[in-house]
Protein backbone atom coordinates (compact mmCIF):
# COMPACT_ATOMS: atom_id res chain seq x y z
CA UNK A 1 65.69 -15.29 101.14
CA UNK A 2 68.15 -13.15 99.76
CA UNK A 3 68.06 -12.84 95.89
CA UNK A 4 71.27 -12.42 93.75
CA UNK A 5 71.73 -11.45 90.56
CA UNK A 6 72.67 -15.17 89.91
CA UNK A 7 70.00 -16.49 91.36
CA UNK A 8 67.06 -14.17 89.60
CA UNK A 9 69.01 -15.36 86.33
CA UNK A 10 68.42 -18.97 87.19
CA UNK A 11 64.72 -18.18 88.06
CA UNK A 12 64.24 -16.52 84.78
CA UNK A 13 65.78 -19.39 82.76
CA UNK A 14 63.78 -21.66 84.80
CA UNK A 15 60.41 -19.85 84.21
CA UNK A 16 61.38 -19.59 80.68
CA UNK A 17 62.20 -23.71 80.34
CA UNK A 18 59.12 -24.11 81.87
CA UNK A 19 56.90 -22.52 79.30
CA UNK A 20 59.11 -23.98 76.32
CA UNK A 21 58.43 -27.11 78.00
CA UNK A 22 54.38 -26.76 78.00
CA UNK A 23 54.17 -25.50 74.70
CA UNK A 24 56.29 -28.40 73.11
CA UNK A 25 54.09 -31.03 75.54
CA UNK A 26 51.10 -29.23 74.06
CA UNK A 27 52.01 -29.73 70.76
CA UNK A 28 53.09 -33.05 70.70
CA UNK A 29 49.77 -34.04 72.60
CA UNK A 30 47.43 -32.10 70.41
CA UNK A 31 45.72 -33.98 67.41
CA UNK A 32 45.85 -31.85 64.19
CA UNK A 33 42.13 -31.48 62.33
CA UNK A 34 41.99 -31.49 58.41
CA UNK A 35 40.62 -28.33 56.74
CA UNK A 36 36.63 -28.75 55.91
CA UNK A 37 35.99 -28.57 52.19
CA UNK A 38 33.28 -25.97 51.47
CA UNK A 39 31.57 -27.47 48.08
CA UNK A 40 29.66 -25.27 45.88
CA UNK A 41 27.53 -25.39 42.97
CA UNK A 42 26.51 -22.52 40.36
CA UNK A 43 22.61 -22.42 39.84
CA UNK A 44 20.50 -19.90 37.60
CA UNK A 45 18.95 -16.94 39.30
CA UNK A 46 17.40 -13.81 37.99
CA UNK A 47 19.79 -10.82 37.12
CA UNK A 48 16.49 -8.39 38.08
CA UNK A 49 12.96 -8.49 39.75
CA UNK A 50 10.82 -11.21 38.14
CA UNK A 51 7.22 -9.78 38.50
CA UNK A 52 4.29 -12.41 38.29
CA UNK A 53 3.10 -13.05 34.90
CA UNK A 54 6.61 -12.32 33.14
CA UNK A 55 7.56 -15.08 30.56
CA UNK A 56 11.09 -15.88 31.64
CA UNK A 57 13.79 -15.98 29.04
CA UNK A 58 17.58 -16.58 29.09
CA UNK A 59 18.25 -12.88 28.90
CA UNK A 60 16.13 -12.59 32.38
CA UNK A 61 18.75 -15.51 34.14
CA UNK A 62 22.36 -15.28 35.59
CA UNK A 63 24.12 -17.55 37.93
CA UNK A 64 24.55 -17.81 41.53
CA UNK A 65 26.80 -19.63 43.82
CA UNK A 66 25.08 -21.59 46.29
CA UNK A 67 26.84 -24.24 49.20
CA UNK A 68 25.64 -27.62 48.41
CA UNK A 69 24.32 -28.11 51.77
CA UNK A 70 22.19 -25.28 51.18
CA UNK A 71 20.54 -26.96 48.24
CA UNK A 72 16.66 -27.70 48.62
CA UNK A 73 14.88 -29.84 46.87
CA UNK A 74 12.32 -27.59 45.33
CA UNK A 75 15.21 -25.57 43.77
CA UNK A 76 15.48 -25.69 40.06
CA UNK A 77 19.21 -26.24 38.86
CA UNK A 78 19.26 -25.81 35.09
CA UNK A 79 17.99 -23.33 32.90
CA UNK A 80 16.15 -25.85 30.60
CA UNK A 81 13.45 -26.27 33.16
CA UNK A 82 13.17 -22.18 33.63
CA UNK A 83 12.77 -20.64 30.17
CA UNK A 84 9.48 -20.20 28.78
CA UNK A 85 7.46 -20.86 32.29
CA UNK A 86 5.98 -17.90 33.53
CA UNK A 87 6.35 -16.39 37.05
CA UNK A 88 3.86 -17.06 39.58
CA UNK A 89 4.98 -15.57 42.42
CA UNK A 90 8.10 -12.49 42.47
CA UNK A 91 11.46 -13.38 42.63
CA UNK A 92 14.22 -11.56 43.61
CA UNK A 93 17.87 -11.04 42.07
CA UNK A 94 20.38 -13.61 42.98
CA UNK A 95 17.86 -15.62 44.88
CA UNK A 96 17.31 -19.62 44.00
CA UNK A 97 14.41 -20.10 41.83
CA UNK A 98 11.88 -22.60 43.19
CA UNK A 99 9.39 -24.96 41.48
CA UNK A 100 6.48 -22.95 43.10
CA UNK A 101 8.00 -19.93 41.75
CA UNK A 102 6.66 -20.58 38.26
CA UNK A 103 3.68 -22.04 36.61
CA UNK A 104 3.88 -25.66 35.28
CA UNK A 105 5.49 -26.44 31.80
CA UNK A 106 2.47 -24.95 29.22
CA UNK A 107 0.66 -23.58 32.41
CA UNK A 108 -0.61 -20.07 31.65
CA UNK A 109 -2.32 -17.62 34.61
CA UNK A 110 -6.19 -17.10 34.34
CA UNK A 111 -7.18 -13.96 32.33
CA UNK A 112 -9.45 -11.65 33.88
CA UNK A 113 -12.17 -10.30 31.59
CA UNK A 114 -15.22 -8.33 31.90
CA UNK A 115 -18.13 -10.19 31.41
CA UNK A 116 -19.68 -10.52 27.95
CA UNK A 117 -16.00 -9.65 26.44
CA UNK A 118 -13.92 -11.77 24.05
CA UNK A 119 -9.95 -12.73 23.99
CA UNK A 120 -8.51 -12.57 20.73
CA UNK A 121 -4.92 -12.69 19.45
CA UNK A 122 -3.69 -11.59 16.58
CA UNK A 123 0.23 -11.53 15.21
CA UNK A 124 1.88 -8.61 14.04
CA UNK A 125 4.51 -8.54 11.85
CA UNK A 126 7.06 -5.88 13.17
CA UNK A 127 7.31 -4.57 16.62
CA UNK A 128 6.91 -1.04 15.16
CA UNK A 129 3.41 -1.93 14.33
CA UNK A 130 2.94 -1.92 18.30
CA UNK A 131 4.57 1.46 19.45
CA UNK A 132 7.91 0.02 18.87
CA UNK A 133 7.26 -2.34 21.73
CA UNK A 134 6.79 0.73 24.36
CA UNK A 135 3.18 -0.43 25.45
CA UNK A 136 2.48 -2.87 27.89
CA UNK A 137 -0.17 -5.08 28.94
CA UNK A 138 -2.94 -3.62 30.88
CA UNK A 139 -2.62 -0.41 28.57
CA UNK A 140 -4.99 0.66 26.25
CA UNK A 141 -4.51 1.31 22.42
CA UNK A 142 -6.10 2.22 19.44
CA UNK A 143 -6.53 -0.30 16.69
CA UNK A 144 -5.90 0.76 13.01
CA UNK A 145 -6.19 -1.25 9.72
CA UNK A 146 -4.65 -0.52 6.14
CA UNK A 147 -6.20 -2.70 3.39
CA UNK A 148 -3.79 -4.38 0.94
CA UNK A 149 -4.21 -5.87 -2.58
CA UNK A 150 -7.46 -3.86 -3.36
CA UNK A 151 -5.13 -1.94 -6.34
CA UNK A 152 -7.75 -2.14 -8.89
CA UNK A 153 -10.77 -1.58 -6.41
CA UNK A 154 -11.60 2.27 -7.53
CA UNK A 155 -13.43 2.76 -4.55
CA UNK A 156 -10.35 2.17 -2.62
CA UNK A 157 -9.04 5.68 -4.17
CA UNK A 158 -5.34 4.61 -4.12
CA UNK A 159 -5.27 3.28 -0.35
CA UNK A 160 -5.94 4.58 3.03
CA UNK A 161 -5.93 3.80 6.61
CA UNK A 162 -8.76 3.92 9.18
CA UNK A 163 -9.27 3.24 13.08
CA UNK A 164 -11.02 0.30 14.15
CA UNK A 165 -11.26 0.83 17.68
CA UNK A 166 -10.36 3.37 20.27
CA UNK A 167 -9.48 2.38 23.45
CA UNK A 168 -9.21 -1.25 23.51
CA UNK A 169 -7.41 -3.36 26.48
CA UNK A 170 -3.91 -4.89 25.66
CA UNK A 171 -4.07 -8.00 27.92
CA UNK A 172 -0.84 -9.88 27.06
CA UNK A 173 1.99 -9.60 24.37
CA UNK A 174 3.67 -12.55 23.37
CA UNK A 175 1.91 -14.41 26.06
CA UNK A 176 3.36 -12.29 28.50
CA UNK A 177 0.89 -10.21 31.04
CA UNK A 178 4.07 -8.21 32.01
CA UNK A 179 5.98 -5.81 29.64
CA UNK A 180 9.08 -7.79 27.83
CA UNK A 181 11.04 -7.70 24.79
CA UNK A 182 9.43 -7.70 21.27
CA UNK A 183 12.69 -7.88 19.48
CA UNK A 184 12.10 -11.23 18.09
CA UNK A 185 10.79 -11.57 14.65
CA UNK A 186 6.93 -11.13 14.94
CA UNK A 187 4.74 -10.27 17.89
CA UNK A 188 1.60 -11.58 18.95
CA UNK A 189 -0.74 -9.27 21.35
CA UNK A 190 -4.01 -10.32 23.02
CA UNK A 191 -6.86 -7.68 23.41
CA UNK A 192 -10.16 -7.72 25.31
CA UNK A 193 -12.77 -6.80 22.56
CA UNK A 194 -16.79 -7.28 22.36
CA UNK A 195 -18.48 -9.90 20.10
CA UNK A 196 -18.77 -7.46 17.15
CA UNK A 197 -15.15 -6.31 17.70
CA UNK A 198 -13.77 -9.59 17.57
CA UNK A 199 -15.39 -10.52 13.97
CA UNK A 200 -14.02 -7.11 12.61
CA UNK A 201 -10.32 -7.84 13.60
CA UNK A 202 -10.40 -11.34 12.65
CA UNK A 203 -11.53 -10.48 9.20
CA UNK A 204 -9.39 -7.43 9.09
CA UNK A 205 -6.10 -9.00 9.94
CA UNK A 206 -6.58 -11.48 6.83
CA UNK A 207 -7.25 -8.19 4.31
CA UNK A 208 -4.42 -5.80 5.31
CA UNK A 209 -1.84 -4.40 8.23
CA UNK A 210 -3.07 -4.33 11.65
CA UNK A 211 -1.44 -1.56 13.65
CA UNK A 212 -1.70 0.29 17.01
CA UNK A 213 -1.47 3.32 18.97
CA UNK A 214 -1.20 4.40 22.36
CA UNK A 215 -4.24 5.78 24.07
CA UNK A 216 -4.69 6.86 27.53
CA UNK A 217 -8.57 6.30 26.61
CA UNK A 218 -9.40 3.58 29.24
CA UNK A 219 -12.56 2.57 27.84
CA UNK A 220 -13.81 0.52 24.69
CA UNK A 221 -15.01 1.71 22.13
CA UNK A 222 -16.34 0.79 18.60
CA UNK A 223 -14.34 3.46 16.73
CA UNK A 224 -16.05 4.05 13.09
CA UNK A 225 -16.93 0.25 12.34
CA UNK A 226 -20.77 -0.61 12.18
CA UNK A 227 -21.70 -3.87 11.36
CA UNK A 228 -25.33 -5.10 10.93
CA UNK A 229 -25.04 -8.21 12.98
CA UNK A 230 -23.10 -8.87 16.27
CA UNK A 231 -22.37 -12.30 15.12
CA UNK A 232 -21.03 -11.61 11.42
CA UNK A 233 -19.01 -8.81 9.71
CA UNK A 234 -18.30 -7.98 5.92
CA UNK A 235 -15.71 -6.43 4.53
CA UNK A 236 -18.01 -3.47 2.88
CA UNK A 237 -19.31 -2.98 6.49
CA UNK A 238 -15.70 -2.32 8.14
CA UNK A 239 -14.39 -0.03 5.60
CA UNK A 240 -17.86 1.98 5.12
CA UNK A 241 -18.11 1.08 1.33
CA UNK A 242 -21.51 0.50 -0.71
CA UNK A 243 -21.69 -3.12 -2.15
CA UNK A 244 -20.23 -3.15 -5.88
CA UNK A 245 -23.18 -2.92 -8.18
CA UNK A 246 -24.31 -5.90 -10.31
CA UNK A 247 -23.22 -5.48 -13.97
CA UNK A 248 -25.57 -5.07 -16.40
CA UNK A 249 -26.79 -7.97 -18.27
CA UNK A 250 -25.31 -8.27 -22.22
CA UNK A 251 -27.16 -7.27 -25.09
CA UNK A 252 -27.62 -9.39 -28.17
CA UNK A 253 -27.85 -8.65 -31.78
CA UNK A 254 -28.99 -11.15 -34.42
CA UNK A 255 -27.59 -11.60 -37.66
CA UNK A 256 -29.41 -13.59 -40.58
CA UNK A 257 -28.02 -14.22 -43.47
CA UNK A 258 -30.02 -16.32 -46.02
CA UNK A 259 -31.15 -19.38 -43.92
CA UNK A 260 -28.21 -18.98 -41.35
CA UNK A 261 -28.25 -16.81 -38.49
CA UNK A 262 -25.48 -15.93 -36.19
CA UNK A 263 -25.25 -13.53 -32.81
CA UNK A 264 -23.04 -10.78 -31.49
CA UNK A 265 -22.83 -9.93 -27.52
CA UNK A 266 -22.56 -6.91 -26.35
CA UNK A 267 -21.42 -5.49 -22.60
CA UNK A 268 -21.06 -1.63 -21.47
CA UNK A 269 -21.52 -0.66 -25.25
CA UNK A 270 -18.86 -2.58 -26.26
CA UNK A 271 -18.71 -5.87 -28.06
CA UNK A 272 -17.74 -8.77 -25.48
CA UNK A 273 -15.22 -10.85 -27.27
CA UNK A 274 -14.38 -13.67 -24.68
CA UNK A 275 -17.51 -15.41 -24.98
CA UNK A 276 -18.95 -17.24 -27.92
CA UNK A 277 -21.79 -15.07 -29.36
CA UNK A 278 -23.56 -17.57 -31.97
CA UNK A 279 -25.51 -18.79 -29.17
CA UNK A 280 -27.32 -16.10 -27.16
CA UNK A 281 -29.09 -17.31 -24.22
CA UNK A 282 -32.87 -18.35 -24.91
CA UNK A 283 -32.02 -18.68 -28.47
CA UNK A 284 -31.29 -21.48 -30.69
CA UNK A 285 -29.44 -21.17 -34.13
CA UNK A 286 -31.00 -22.51 -37.17
CA UNK A 287 -28.11 -25.20 -37.38
CA UNK A 288 -28.88 -26.55 -34.56
CA UNK A 289 -30.68 -29.70 -33.79
CA UNK A 290 -34.19 -29.72 -32.67
CA UNK A 291 -34.47 -31.16 -29.39
CA UNK A 292 -36.65 -33.78 -28.67
CA UNK A 293 -40.66 -33.52 -28.88
CA UNK A 294 -39.78 -30.34 -31.55
CA UNK A 295 -40.22 -30.75 -34.85
CA UNK A 296 -39.10 -27.42 -35.72
CA UNK A 297 -41.33 -25.04 -38.09
CA UNK A 298 -43.35 -26.82 -40.32
CA UNK A 299 -41.84 -27.38 -43.93
CA UNK A 300 -42.80 -25.20 -47.21
CA UNK A 301 -45.21 -27.50 -49.37
CA UNK A 302 -43.49 -29.21 -52.33
CA UNK A 303 -43.37 -27.11 -55.55
CA UNK A 304 -45.06 -28.31 -58.89
CA UNK A 305 -42.53 -29.72 -61.17
CA UNK A 306 -41.92 -27.80 -64.02
CA UNK A 307 -43.16 -29.56 -67.18
CA UNK A 308 -41.34 -29.07 -70.49
CA UNK A 309 -43.23 -26.75 -72.87
CA UNK A 310 -45.00 -28.75 -75.77
CA UNK A 311 -43.91 -27.48 -79.13
CA UNK A 312 -45.82 -29.55 -81.18
CA UNK A 313 -47.89 -28.18 -83.97
CA UNK A 314 -51.53 -29.11 -84.42
CA UNK A 315 -52.67 -30.77 -87.43
């Protein structure tokens, strides 16, 4: 078969027409599928790694976007059920928080302390009293005490600060066993102490200011405090002061005027004007009524009556 230019042209038009017809037929026969809508939800997630023992705050949380078909029943979807709880398992940033990752509401991790130790928490007024928040649970600190409200006691010599303990372990800060922010007013610190140390710090916190300083000594020292009993501590023992001596008993001076009697009381060589002095202890003034069964001193005998002088002359 001989192809002429006209035949080639017709063949090309036929092929192109067939392709167009096939395309149109496919479009007419195809069913259009609607686009699939992907629904998502914003849920709370950490903005940084959360280590076990961390008390979760709002500052720890951000927002992650998750497809609704990928949500699971144990994922926590609201800050309200997360903030304030303690991390049980490490949580990575931008990951959903699951119920198993946290201790339950009001639940705390178990405390691990040495046998015979005591766990004591005290409140500090300012973060600067704990090295401005730079120390972390698990480190060791020295505990210092500054007595207050004792300006009238000459033994304090105007005031002083002393070291209560050296190298005691810090177990938690604001209930967190991990380092966290302490910028809120008031900070609670929890120590691991010996029984005598527990008694000492419980009394000291009521009598002055407690301040911490960092130390690398990982040991439990008693500092300069020595108490006579493991179950009892006194302020004089804590401060190493001699007890206040008992005042000398007062002295009395009795003054008699005729049948009356009065008294003066002296203390430390000076007249004690604050207490009545007319009735010294153990004494009964002359004007006081006689107690039952006591008729007092015998009355003087009656004197002879004075008779008028006889001026009659004898006869």
